[in-house]
Protein backbone atom coordinates (compact mmCIF):
# COMPACT_ATOMS: atom_id res chain seq x y z
CA PHE A 1 -89.85 -174.63 49.87
CA GLU A 2 -93.60 -174.64 49.91
CA GLY A 3 -95.93 -172.18 51.55
CA GLU A 4 -99.54 -173.05 52.34
CA TRP A 5 -102.13 -170.42 51.43
CA ARG A 6 -104.65 -169.55 54.14
CA ALA A 7 -107.52 -167.07 54.01
CA VAL A 8 -106.48 -165.13 57.12
CA GLU A 9 -107.68 -161.63 58.00
CA GLY A 10 -106.78 -159.28 55.17
CA SER A 11 -107.19 -161.94 52.48
CA GLY A 12 -109.66 -161.36 49.65
CA TYR A 13 -111.28 -164.64 50.75
CA PHE A 14 -111.38 -164.05 54.51
CA GLN A 15 -114.50 -165.82 55.88
CA SER A 16 -115.73 -166.38 52.31
CA PRO A 17 -118.64 -168.82 51.77
CA LEU A 18 -116.55 -170.29 48.92
CA LEU A 19 -114.22 -171.91 51.47
CA TYR A 20 -114.46 -175.36 52.98
CA LYS A 21 -111.91 -174.27 55.60
CA GLU A 22 -109.38 -171.46 55.76
CA ASN A 23 -106.90 -173.24 53.47
CA GLY A 24 -109.32 -174.90 51.07
CA PHE A 25 -112.06 -174.12 48.56
CA LYS A 26 -115.21 -176.15 48.05
CA LYS A 27 -114.80 -175.98 44.27
CA LYS A 28 -111.68 -176.35 42.14
CA GLU A 29 -112.78 -173.49 39.88
CA ASP A 30 -112.53 -171.02 42.78
CA ALA A 31 -109.01 -172.22 43.58
CA GLN A 32 -108.09 -171.73 39.92
CA ASP A 33 -109.44 -168.16 40.08
CA LEU A 34 -107.14 -167.47 43.04
CA VAL A 35 -104.15 -168.86 41.11
CA LYS A 36 -104.96 -166.55 38.15
CA GLN A 37 -105.06 -163.55 40.50
CA LEU A 38 -101.67 -164.48 41.99
CA GLU A 39 -100.10 -165.16 38.59
CA ALA A 40 -101.12 -161.67 37.48
CA ILE A 41 -98.97 -160.10 40.21
CA VAL A 42 -95.73 -158.69 38.73
CA PRO A 43 -93.00 -159.28 39.70
CA ARG A 44 -93.84 -162.79 40.86
CA GLU A 45 -92.35 -162.43 44.33
CA ALA A 46 -93.40 -162.91 47.92
CA ALA A 47 -92.16 -160.77 50.81
CA VAL A 48 -91.42 -162.32 54.20
CA GLU A 49 -93.86 -160.71 56.63
CA LYS A 50 -92.88 -162.68 59.71
CA ALA A 51 -89.95 -164.97 60.61
CA GLU A 52 -89.91 -166.65 64.01
CA ARG A 53 -87.16 -168.82 65.46
CA LYS A 54 -87.56 -170.72 68.69
CA LYS A 55 -86.47 -173.83 70.57
CA GLU A 56 -88.96 -176.61 71.16
CA LEU A 57 -88.48 -179.30 73.81
CA LYS A 58 -89.90 -182.79 73.54
CA ASN A 59 -89.88 -184.80 76.76
CA PRO A 60 -89.52 -188.59 76.98
CA PRO A 61 -92.96 -190.26 77.04
CA LEU A 62 -94.29 -191.90 80.19
CA LEU A 63 -93.48 -195.56 80.81
CA TYR A 64 -95.54 -198.41 79.42
CA ASN A 65 -98.68 -199.76 81.00
CA LEU A 66 -100.18 -202.83 79.35
CA ALA A 67 -102.53 -200.88 77.05
CA GLU A 68 -99.75 -198.60 75.75
CA LEU A 69 -97.43 -201.56 75.20
CA GLN A 70 -100.17 -203.47 73.35
CA ASN A 71 -100.77 -200.43 71.12
CA GLU A 72 -97.03 -200.03 70.43
CA CYS A 73 -96.52 -203.71 69.60
CA SER A 74 -99.53 -203.65 67.28
CA LYS A 75 -97.88 -200.81 65.33
CA LEU A 76 -94.28 -202.06 65.43
CA TYR A 77 -94.66 -205.84 65.15
CA LYS A 78 -98.25 -206.27 63.87
CA ILE A 79 -99.23 -208.56 66.73
CA SER A 80 -102.53 -208.68 68.60
CA PRO A 81 -103.01 -207.42 72.20
CA ASP A 82 -103.47 -211.04 73.22
CA GLN A 83 -100.07 -211.96 71.73
CA THR A 84 -98.44 -208.95 73.41
CA LEU A 85 -99.86 -209.98 76.77
CA SER A 86 -98.62 -213.51 76.23
CA VAL A 87 -95.11 -212.28 75.37
CA VAL A 88 -94.86 -209.84 78.29
CA GLN A 89 -96.24 -212.52 80.64
CA GLU A 90 -93.40 -214.79 79.49
CA LEU A 91 -90.89 -211.99 80.14
CA TYR A 92 -92.38 -211.53 83.61
CA GLU A 93 -92.19 -215.24 84.40
CA LYS A 94 -88.53 -215.24 83.31
CA LYS A 95 -88.01 -212.34 85.75
CA LEU A 96 -87.01 -209.95 82.94
CA VAL A 97 -89.79 -207.37 83.47
CA THR A 98 -92.20 -206.33 86.21
CA TYR A 99 -95.87 -207.35 86.49
CA PRO A 100 -97.57 -206.77 83.12
CA ARG A 101 -101.25 -206.34 84.00
CA THR A 102 -101.01 -202.72 85.09
CA ASP A 103 -102.79 -199.48 84.24
CA ALA A 104 -100.04 -197.24 85.67
CA ARG A 105 -97.46 -195.46 83.53
CA VAL A 106 -95.29 -194.22 86.37
CA LEU A 107 -93.00 -195.53 89.12
CA SER A 108 -93.78 -195.63 92.82
CA SER A 109 -91.54 -193.54 95.08
CA ALA A 110 -90.28 -196.73 96.73
CA VAL A 111 -89.19 -198.19 93.37
CA ALA A 112 -87.69 -194.84 92.30
CA ARG A 113 -85.37 -194.86 95.33
CA GLU A 114 -83.88 -198.22 94.25
CA ILE A 115 -84.05 -197.76 90.49
CA GLN A 116 -80.27 -197.74 90.00
CA LYS A 117 -80.34 -201.51 90.65
CA ASN A 118 -82.52 -202.03 87.55
CA ILE A 119 -80.22 -199.80 85.50
CA ARG A 120 -77.07 -201.54 86.75
CA GLY A 121 -78.51 -204.90 85.71
CA LEU A 122 -79.05 -203.58 82.18
CA THR A 123 -75.31 -202.93 81.77
CA ARG A 124 -75.20 -206.68 81.06
CA TYR A 125 -77.79 -206.33 78.26
CA GLU A 126 -75.56 -205.68 75.27
CA PRO A 127 -77.96 -203.56 73.10
CA ALA A 128 -78.49 -201.09 75.99
CA SER A 129 -75.25 -201.52 77.92
CA GLY A 130 -73.74 -198.19 76.79
CA PHE A 131 -76.88 -196.22 77.68
CA ALA A 132 -77.23 -197.87 81.11
CA SER A 133 -73.54 -197.21 81.89
CA GLU A 134 -73.88 -193.56 80.84
CA ILE A 135 -76.92 -193.08 83.12
CA LEU A 136 -75.06 -194.61 86.07
CA GLU A 137 -71.92 -192.59 85.40
CA LYS A 138 -73.85 -189.30 85.29
CA GLU A 139 -76.16 -190.39 88.16
CA ALA A 140 -79.07 -189.28 85.97
CA TYR A 141 -81.44 -191.38 88.13
CA ARG A 142 -80.96 -189.20 91.22
CA ASN A 143 -84.01 -186.96 90.77
CA ILE A 144 -86.34 -189.40 89.05
CA GLY A 145 -88.43 -189.60 92.23
CA LYS A 146 -89.25 -185.88 91.92
CA SER A 147 -90.15 -186.04 88.22
CA ARG A 148 -93.43 -186.71 86.40
CA TYR A 149 -92.30 -190.33 85.99
CA THR A 150 -92.92 -191.02 89.70
CA ASN A 151 -96.37 -190.55 91.21
CA ASP A 152 -97.81 -192.74 93.97
CA LYS A 153 -101.30 -191.23 93.44
CA GLN A 154 -101.47 -192.65 89.90
CA ILE A 155 -100.80 -196.20 91.05
CA THR A 156 -103.52 -198.53 92.28
CA ASP A 157 -102.02 -202.03 92.42
CA HIS A 158 -98.88 -202.05 90.28
CA TYR A 159 -96.46 -199.51 88.82
CA ALA A 160 -95.46 -199.32 85.14
CA ILE A 161 -93.91 -202.17 83.14
CA ILE A 162 -90.13 -201.80 83.41
CA PRO A 163 -87.14 -204.13 83.03
CA THR A 164 -85.97 -205.63 86.32
CA GLY A 165 -82.33 -205.82 85.24
CA GLN A 166 -82.45 -209.48 86.25
CA GLY A 167 -83.07 -212.78 84.47
CA LEU A 168 -80.76 -211.86 81.59
CA GLN A 169 -79.51 -215.45 81.42
CA ASN A 170 -82.96 -216.29 79.98
CA LEU A 171 -82.62 -213.96 76.98
CA SER A 172 -80.99 -216.63 74.83
CA ARG A 173 -84.07 -218.83 75.28
CA LEU A 174 -86.51 -216.18 74.08
CA SER A 175 -88.07 -216.14 70.62
CA GLU A 176 -87.08 -213.32 68.26
CA LEU A 177 -90.39 -211.57 68.89
CA SER A 178 -90.05 -211.78 72.68
CA GLY A 179 -86.55 -210.36 72.40
CA LYS A 180 -87.84 -207.42 70.37
CA VAL A 181 -90.63 -206.66 72.86
CA TYR A 182 -88.11 -206.80 75.72
CA GLY A 183 -85.88 -204.33 73.83
CA THR A 184 -88.86 -202.00 73.33
CA ILE A 185 -89.57 -201.98 77.09
CA VAL A 186 -85.89 -201.38 77.88
CA ARG A 187 -85.61 -198.43 75.49
CA ARG A 188 -88.73 -196.73 76.89
CA PHE A 189 -87.44 -197.26 80.46
CA LEU A 190 -83.95 -195.86 79.84
CA SER A 191 -85.39 -192.91 77.89
CA ILE A 192 -86.78 -191.29 81.04
CA PHE A 193 -83.26 -190.79 82.43
CA TYR A 194 -82.22 -188.68 79.44
CA PRO A 195 -82.96 -184.98 78.82
CA PRO A 196 -85.63 -183.78 76.39
CA ALA A 197 -84.94 -183.70 72.67
CA VAL A 198 -84.37 -180.13 71.48
CA TYR A 199 -85.66 -178.88 68.12
CA GLN A 200 -84.81 -175.62 66.41
CA LYS A 201 -87.96 -174.34 64.74
CA ILE A 202 -88.53 -171.69 62.09
CA SER A 203 -91.99 -170.39 61.16
CA LEU A 204 -92.41 -168.10 58.16
CA VAL A 205 -95.31 -166.02 56.87
CA SER A 206 -94.83 -164.62 53.36
CA ARG A 207 -97.25 -162.45 51.41
CA MET A 208 -98.20 -161.76 47.81
CA GLY A 209 -100.61 -158.85 47.56
CA LYS A 210 -103.45 -159.57 50.00
CA GLU A 211 -102.71 -163.28 50.29
CA ALA A 212 -100.54 -164.92 52.97
CA PHE A 213 -98.58 -168.18 52.81
CA PHE A 214 -97.41 -170.16 55.83
CA SER A 215 -94.36 -172.43 56.18
CA SER A 216 -92.96 -174.17 59.24
CA PHE A 217 -89.84 -176.28 59.62
CA LYS A 218 -87.80 -177.79 62.43
CA VAL A 219 -84.53 -179.62 62.81
CA LEU A 220 -83.33 -181.84 65.63
CA ALA A 221 -80.62 -179.84 67.42
CA GLU A 222 -80.00 -182.13 70.43
CA GLU A 223 -80.93 -185.81 70.47
CA GLY A 224 -81.68 -186.03 74.18
CA TYR A 225 -83.76 -189.14 74.92
CA LEU A 226 -84.07 -189.95 71.20
CA LYS A 227 -80.51 -191.23 71.47
CA VAL A 228 -82.07 -194.23 73.21
CA ALA A 229 -85.61 -194.27 71.81
CA GLY A 230 -84.54 -193.91 68.18
CA LEU A 231 -84.29 -190.92 65.88
CA PRO A 232 -87.26 -189.93 63.73
CA GLN A 233 -86.69 -190.12 60.00
CA THR A 234 -86.25 -186.86 58.08
CA ARG A 235 -89.56 -186.38 56.31
CA LYS A 236 -91.67 -183.83 54.54
CA LYS A 237 -94.68 -182.31 56.25
CA GLU A 238 -97.49 -184.83 56.39
CA GLU A 239 -101.19 -184.42 57.00
CA GLY A 240 -101.90 -183.64 60.64
CA GLU A 241 -98.31 -182.56 61.37
CA GLU A 242 -97.60 -178.97 62.25
CA ASP A 243 -93.99 -178.90 61.00
CA ALA A 244 -91.86 -180.55 58.37
CA LEU A 245 -88.72 -182.19 59.77
CA CYS A 246 -85.79 -181.08 57.67
CA GLY A 247 -82.00 -181.20 57.50
CA ALA A 248 -79.67 -178.81 59.35
CA ASP A 249 -78.26 -177.31 56.11
CA PHE A 250 -81.74 -176.40 54.87
CA LEU A 251 -82.66 -174.81 58.20
CA GLN A 252 -79.41 -172.86 58.16
CA ALA A 253 -80.33 -171.47 54.73
CA LEU A 254 -83.77 -170.46 56.02
CA SER A 255 -82.15 -168.73 59.02
CA GLY A 256 -80.91 -166.01 56.68
CA LEU A 257 -84.48 -164.90 56.01
CA LYS A 258 -85.89 -161.96 57.93
CA LYS A 259 -88.86 -159.61 57.73
CA GLY A 260 -88.78 -157.89 54.34
CA SER A 261 -86.77 -160.60 52.58
CA VAL A 262 -88.00 -161.08 49.00
CA LEU A 263 -88.52 -164.60 47.66
CA PRO A 264 -89.01 -165.55 44.01
CA VAL A 265 -92.20 -167.59 43.49
CA GLU A 266 -91.60 -170.48 41.10
CA ALA A 267 -95.10 -171.93 40.73
CA PHE A 268 -98.58 -172.31 42.18
CA GLN A 269 -100.03 -175.72 42.82
CA ILE A 270 -103.59 -176.74 43.60
CA LYS A 271 -103.86 -179.81 45.80
CA GLU A 272 -107.07 -181.77 45.49
CA GLY A 273 -108.32 -183.60 48.53
CA GLU A 274 -111.31 -185.51 49.80
CA THR A 275 -112.88 -185.67 53.21
CA SER A 276 -112.20 -189.10 54.59
CA PRO A 277 -113.77 -191.10 57.41
CA PRO A 278 -111.78 -191.77 60.58
CA LYS A 279 -109.14 -194.48 60.26
CA ARG A 280 -110.23 -197.98 61.21
CA TYR A 281 -109.18 -199.26 64.59
CA ASN A 282 -106.27 -201.64 64.75
CA SER A 283 -105.94 -204.05 67.65
CA GLY A 284 -103.67 -201.65 69.56
CA SER A 285 -105.70 -198.48 69.11
CA MET A 286 -108.85 -200.41 70.07
CA ILE A 287 -107.23 -201.35 73.40
CA LEU A 288 -106.49 -197.65 74.04
CA ALA A 289 -110.06 -196.72 73.04
CA MET A 290 -111.38 -199.26 75.55
CA GLU A 291 -109.05 -197.93 78.26
CA ASN A 292 -110.15 -194.35 77.60
CA ALA A 293 -113.85 -194.98 76.96
CA GLY A 294 -114.70 -192.56 79.76
CA GLN A 295 -113.64 -189.64 77.55
CA LEU A 296 -116.83 -190.22 75.53
CA ILE A 297 -119.02 -189.46 78.56
CA GLU A 298 -120.38 -185.90 78.78
CA ASP A 299 -121.48 -186.05 82.43
CA GLU A 300 -118.44 -184.86 84.41
CA GLU A 301 -119.21 -186.91 87.55
CA LEU A 302 -119.74 -190.12 85.59
CA ARG A 303 -116.65 -189.44 83.46
CA GLU A 304 -114.57 -189.15 86.65
CA GLN A 305 -116.11 -192.41 87.92
CA ILE A 306 -114.84 -194.44 84.97
CA LYS A 307 -111.50 -192.61 84.74
CA GLY A 308 -108.63 -195.08 84.73
CA SER A 309 -110.80 -198.14 84.15
CA GLY A 310 -112.79 -197.71 80.93
CA ILE A 311 -114.15 -200.86 79.32
CA GLY A 312 -112.57 -203.93 80.89
CA THR A 313 -109.26 -203.92 82.77
CA SER A 314 -105.63 -204.37 81.77
CA ALA A 315 -106.06 -208.07 82.44
CA THR A 316 -109.29 -208.54 80.45
CA ARG A 317 -109.26 -206.18 77.44
CA ALA A 318 -107.21 -208.47 75.22
CA GLU A 319 -109.48 -211.40 76.14
CA ILE A 320 -112.60 -209.35 75.34
CA LEU A 321 -111.25 -208.64 71.85
CA LYS A 322 -110.13 -212.25 71.42
CA LYS A 323 -113.64 -213.46 72.27
CA LEU A 324 -115.23 -211.04 69.80
CA PHE A 325 -112.97 -212.43 67.06
CA HIS A 326 -113.70 -216.02 68.13
CA ILE A 327 -117.50 -215.62 68.05
CA LYS A 328 -117.15 -213.75 64.73
CA TYR A 329 -118.64 -210.43 65.82
CA LEU A 330 -115.40 -208.78 64.65
CA ALA A 331 -112.75 -209.77 62.10
CA LEU A 332 -108.99 -209.23 62.49
CA ASN A 333 -106.54 -208.91 59.64
CA LYS A 334 -103.54 -210.65 61.21
CA LYS A 335 -101.10 -209.06 58.79
CA THR A 336 -102.14 -205.44 59.41
CA GLN A 337 -103.98 -205.90 62.76
CA ILE A 338 -106.89 -203.85 61.33
CA ILE A 339 -110.28 -204.64 62.92
CA THR A 340 -113.51 -204.70 60.90
CA PRO A 341 -117.06 -205.69 61.84
CA THR A 342 -118.60 -208.86 60.46
CA GLN A 343 -122.14 -209.02 59.13
CA LEU A 344 -123.13 -210.94 62.26
CA GLY A 345 -121.51 -208.23 64.40
CA GLU A 346 -123.46 -205.50 62.63
CA MET A 347 -126.68 -207.47 63.11
CA VAL A 348 -126.00 -207.84 66.84
CA PHE A 349 -125.33 -204.10 67.07
CA ASP A 350 -128.59 -203.28 65.27
CA VAL A 351 -130.60 -205.60 67.53
CA VAL A 352 -129.11 -204.13 70.74
CA ASN A 353 -129.41 -200.57 69.41
CA ALA A 354 -133.13 -201.12 68.73
CA SER A 355 -133.87 -202.82 72.04
CA ILE A 356 -131.44 -202.04 74.91
CA ARG A 357 -129.53 -198.98 73.69
CA PRO A 358 -127.90 -198.21 77.11
CA LEU A 359 -125.76 -201.36 76.66
CA LEU A 360 -123.88 -199.56 73.89
CA ASN A 361 -123.04 -196.53 76.05
CA PRO A 362 -120.07 -196.38 78.47
CA GLU A 363 -122.25 -194.22 80.73
CA LEU A 364 -123.99 -197.43 81.82
CA THR A 365 -120.68 -198.92 82.95
CA ALA A 366 -119.83 -195.67 84.76
CA SER A 367 -123.18 -195.54 86.58
CA TRP A 368 -122.84 -199.12 87.85
CA GLU A 369 -119.23 -198.38 88.87
CA LYS A 370 -120.53 -195.38 90.77
CA GLY A 371 -123.05 -197.63 92.53
CA LEU A 372 -120.28 -200.04 93.53
CA THR A 373 -118.32 -197.11 94.99
CA TYR A 374 -121.37 -196.20 97.10
CA VAL A 375 -121.58 -199.81 98.31
CA ALA A 376 -117.87 -199.72 99.26
CA GLU A 377 -118.41 -196.43 101.12
CA GLY A 378 -121.47 -197.81 102.92
CA THR A 379 -123.81 -195.20 101.42
CA VAL A 380 -125.78 -197.92 99.59
CA SER A 381 -126.35 -201.46 100.88
CA PRO A 382 -125.35 -204.47 98.73
CA GLU A 383 -129.01 -205.56 98.73
CA GLU A 384 -130.18 -202.19 97.38
CA TYR A 385 -127.52 -202.26 94.65
CA MET A 386 -128.42 -205.81 93.57
CA GLY A 387 -132.12 -204.91 93.67
CA LYS A 388 -131.52 -202.06 91.19
CA LEU A 389 -129.41 -204.31 88.98
CA ASN A 390 -132.05 -207.06 88.95
CA HIS A 391 -134.76 -204.49 88.20
CA PHE A 392 -132.73 -203.15 85.25
CA VAL A 393 -132.26 -206.64 83.80
CA ALA A 394 -135.91 -207.68 84.36
CA ARG A 395 -137.33 -204.43 82.92
CA HIS A 396 -135.26 -204.53 79.74
CA THR A 397 -135.80 -208.27 79.27
CA LEU A 398 -139.56 -207.71 79.43
CA ASN A 399 -139.30 -204.80 76.97
CA VAL A 400 -137.37 -206.95 74.49
CA ARG A 401 -139.91 -209.77 74.74
CA GLN A 402 -142.73 -207.32 73.98
CA LEU A 403 -141.00 -205.64 71.04
CA ARG A 404 -142.39 -206.26 67.59
CA ASN A 405 -139.69 -204.58 65.54
CA GLN A 406 -138.76 -207.39 63.13
CA THR A 407 -139.70 -205.34 60.06
CA ALA A 408 -137.52 -202.38 61.07
CA LEU A 409 -134.63 -204.70 61.92
CA ARG A 410 -134.95 -206.50 58.60
CA ALA A 411 -134.44 -203.16 56.86
CA CYS A 412 -131.26 -202.61 58.91
CA PHE A 413 -129.95 -206.09 58.04
CA ASP A 414 -130.68 -205.62 54.33
CA ALA A 415 -128.91 -202.24 54.32
CA ALA A 416 -125.76 -203.78 55.83
CA ALA A 417 -125.89 -207.01 53.81
CA ILE A 418 -124.92 -205.34 50.52
CA TYR A 419 -121.42 -204.73 51.93
CA TYR A 420 -120.91 -208.41 52.75
CA LYS A 421 -121.98 -210.04 49.50
CA LYS A 422 -119.46 -212.60 48.28
CA PRO A 423 -118.59 -212.41 44.58
CA GLN A 424 -120.46 -215.06 42.63
CA LYS A 425 -118.31 -217.71 40.96
CA THR A 426 -119.11 -218.24 37.29
CA LYS A 427 -119.70 -221.87 36.44
CA ALA A 428 -117.37 -223.09 33.71
CA ALA A 429 -118.93 -225.06 30.85
CA GLY A 430 -118.13 -228.78 31.02
CA LYS A 431 -116.42 -230.78 28.27
CA GLY A 432 -118.63 -231.52 25.29
CA GLU A 433 -121.25 -228.93 26.32
CA ALA A 434 -122.39 -226.16 24.00
CA SER A 435 -121.43 -222.75 25.20
């Protein structure tokens, strides 16, 4: 197995200016120097300095609201938020699921008390029949009203999207995609009635001379809710993951290691990497970013004001994106659902950024939301609120009309334009022409 070198306290490179971060050098030559030092150690062995074993629980995720379902369907089925809303609206109209345009990810206490009816109905849904029957038999729904999956305070108008257990006669008339989305909602719903998944985890620290190497592995010991939701694939450790998921036999072999165990070192490997920009938004992650736009606000009071609403609502976010695609401010790759700006979109951004910058900041939305709350509480009159809004619009409109920033904007447009140049087609020589 592999161990990752880190320049922890005691290392010859602890807090060295040669490092980019604790497990990486800025220059390859410095990494090669470290390898030479390690290769010079005889015998080429590492001693286990620390071996930890522990259980790790993973609870079922909360239920779907519209934004979470749109994000999931974008990943699983490569469909847009607008398509997801259309599908789940169809399921709602066929009485298969509850109201789709919701921000809540929990049940209400009233629904929780009657939830066995939904589960009983799903015993007639063949793909989930066994799971639903098992939940009913064990009465696993009994305490759902006291769990984190039920919370009246987190519900404004509607609770989470769940299967009703009714309308199953309409399943045969659904498209393949609609059937898949329905199955996704059912699996998430039934998951919450199962116990957490249990992982056995082993963390190792081994040392050669002054240098320490870290390894971490886990194996799924008890399926728990993953029995319904689907088992993760066995995989090697990937970037951003803390542990590598491995097989039970391998973990059993590692279990024999204890402090002082000596391990032969086969080879040293230098991994080259590059810093990379954040991943592009896809249509699903953009919906979540819009829902959680308030997290970008530093002011605590304003952040609380926009909490739970963000940019748009469950009912309008998909339409906002759809409009941006339609007017060609953004482009959508329908196959991957990746979103990219268009040249026109970048130009619009540059113009707004140079003239009415507050329009690009979610703090503006939060401040107007705060004003509306004051109106609702009676602290501010509707006339006063509208007066401030009209003043804002008039002031910024006047500022824009007086701006003379065409030269600066032209520089912005030219800088962006180089990324949107279409490849020039070479003109083929016609018959009988010299070439």
